[in-house]
Amino acid sequence: MASTDSRLIDDLKTLLPSWQRHLRAANLSPRTITAYLSTGETLVRFLRAAGMPTAASGIRREHLETFIEDQLARFQPSTAATRYRDLRQLFRWLLDEGETSSTGAGRVREDDASR
């Protein structure tokens, strides 16, 4: 079993400031960065409330699909699609950083968010 410290380091909430730094270094607009981070924080809150893993390495496709399903039930399809696209950027970065695998969360299809 992983130690508490390694779980905290892997926790998505803990990784969001590093992603923010990456986004700023990529010279994205402040508005885009704010939107991406807001979506990441919304996901973390949802996962915690649902009792799902918040460790980047533990988040799977089914967790993201449940999140998108929740977003579709609460908001317009365009909002859910935007949040999905934001999360695609986050999980691409997590994959590049070695925080998650390609078999994990990054496998949600684009059309999953627009139904």
Protein backbone atom coordinates (compact mmCIF):
# COMPACT_ATOMS: atom_id res chain seq x y z
CA MET A 1 0.00 0.00 0.00
CA ALA A 2 1.25 3.49 -0.86
CA SER A 3 2.27 5.78 1.93
CA THR A 4 0.21 8.84 2.77
CA ASP A 5 2.90 11.13 1.37
CA SER A 6 2.97 9.42 -2.04
CA ARG A 7 -0.84 9.52 -2.23
CA LEU A 8 -0.81 13.25 -1.50
CA ILE A 9 1.77 13.87 -4.21
CA ASP A 10 -0.34 11.89 -6.70
CA ASP A 11 -3.57 13.65 -5.65
CA LEU A 12 -5.07 15.60 -8.52
CA LYS A 13 -5.69 18.65 -6.32
CA THR A 14 -1.98 18.71 -5.44
CA LEU A 15 -1.00 18.47 -9.12
CA LEU A 16 -3.21 21.34 -10.35
CA PRO A 17 -0.71 24.11 -9.42
CA SER A 18 1.96 22.35 -11.52
CA TRP A 19 -0.48 22.16 -14.41
CA GLN A 20 -1.21 25.85 -13.97
CA ARG A 21 2.51 26.61 -14.21
CA HIS A 22 2.69 24.48 -17.37
CA LEU A 23 -0.26 26.36 -18.90
CA ARG A 24 1.31 29.74 -18.11
CA ALA A 25 4.61 28.59 -19.60
CA ALA A 26 2.70 27.56 -22.73
CA ASN A 27 1.51 31.18 -22.90
CA LEU A 28 -2.19 30.34 -22.79
CA SER A 29 -4.56 33.19 -22.06
CA PRO A 30 -5.41 33.86 -18.42
CA ARG A 31 -9.06 33.16 -19.23
CA THR A 32 -8.22 29.74 -20.69
CA ILE A 33 -6.05 28.88 -17.70
CA THR A 34 -8.83 29.89 -15.31
CA ALA A 35 -11.35 27.75 -17.20
CA TYR A 36 -9.04 24.71 -17.28
CA LEU A 37 -8.27 24.98 -13.57
CA SER A 38 -11.91 25.49 -12.67
CA THR A 39 -12.80 22.29 -14.51
CA GLY A 40 -9.99 20.42 -12.75
CA GLU A 41 -11.17 21.65 -9.36
CA THR A 42 -14.78 20.76 -10.21
CA LEU A 43 -13.65 17.24 -11.09
CA VAL A 44 -11.77 16.89 -7.80
CA ARG A 45 -14.83 18.01 -5.81
CA PHE A 46 -17.05 15.60 -7.74
CA LEU A 47 -14.69 12.66 -7.26
CA ARG A 48 -14.37 13.32 -3.53
CA ALA A 49 -18.13 13.68 -3.06
CA ALA A 50 -18.74 10.44 -5.00
CA GLY A 51 -16.08 8.53 -3.05
CA MET A 52 -14.01 8.00 -6.19
CA PRO A 53 -10.21 8.16 -6.34
CA THR A 54 -8.57 11.57 -6.62
CA ALA A 55 -5.10 10.15 -7.21
CA ALA A 56 -4.20 10.80 -10.83
CA SER A 57 -3.00 7.23 -11.20
CA GLY A 58 -6.32 5.90 -9.89
CA ILE A 59 -8.71 7.92 -12.04
CA ARG A 60 -10.14 5.73 -14.78
CA ARG A 61 -12.36 6.20 -17.78
CA GLU A 62 -15.44 5.19 -15.82
CA HIS A 63 -14.78 7.95 -13.26
CA LEU A 64 -14.60 10.59 -15.97
CA GLU A 65 -17.64 9.20 -17.72
CA THR A 66 -19.57 9.41 -14.45
CA PHE A 67 -18.42 13.02 -14.07
CA ILE A 68 -19.48 13.90 -17.63
CA GLU A 69 -22.79 12.11 -17.08
CA ASP A 70 -23.33 14.28 -14.00
CA GLN A 71 -22.45 17.41 -15.94
CA LEU A 72 -24.90 16.47 -18.70
CA ALA A 73 -27.66 15.99 -16.13
CA ARG A 74 -27.00 19.38 -14.54
CA PHE A 75 -25.92 21.63 -17.41
CA GLN A 76 -26.30 22.16 -21.14
CA PRO A 77 -24.50 19.64 -23.37
CA SER A 78 -22.14 22.38 -24.51
CA THR A 79 -20.98 22.91 -20.92
CA ALA A 80 -20.28 19.20 -20.47
CA ALA A 81 -18.43 19.13 -23.80
CA THR A 82 -16.29 22.11 -22.79
CA ARG A 83 -15.44 20.49 -19.45
CA TYR A 84 -14.54 17.28 -21.23
CA ARG A 85 -12.19 19.13 -23.59
CA ASP A 86 -10.61 20.90 -20.61
CA LEU A 87 -10.05 17.54 -18.92
CA ARG A 88 -8.51 16.10 -22.07
CA GLN A 89 -5.82 18.75 -21.80
CA LEU A 90 -5.27 17.93 -18.13
CA PHE A 91 -4.99 14.19 -18.72
CA ARG A 92 -2.67 14.65 -21.69
CA TRP A 93 -0.40 16.66 -19.40
CA LEU A 94 -0.69 14.02 -16.64
CA LEU A 95 0.26 11.36 -19.18
CA ASP A 96 3.26 13.40 -20.37
CA GLU A 97 4.32 13.85 -16.75
CA GLY A 98 4.02 10.12 -16.05
CA GLU A 99 1.27 10.65 -13.47
CA THR A 100 -1.23 8.42 -15.29
CA SER A 101 -1.16 5.78 -18.00
CA SER A 102 -2.66 5.78 -21.46
CA THR A 103 -4.98 2.99 -20.34
CA GLY A 104 -6.50 5.16 -17.64
CA ALA A 105 -8.53 8.32 -17.81
CA GLY A 106 -7.36 9.57 -21.18
CA ARG A 107 -9.51 7.08 -23.04
CA VAL A 108 -12.86 8.87 -22.95
CA ARG A 109 -14.01 9.57 -26.49
CA GLU A 110 -14.91 13.10 -27.63
CA ASP A 111 -18.47 12.09 -28.44
CA ASP A 112 -19.01 10.81 -24.88
CA ALA A 113 -19.38 14.41 -23.72
CA SER A 114 -21.74 15.60 -26.41
CA ARG A 115 -24.55 13.08 -26.08
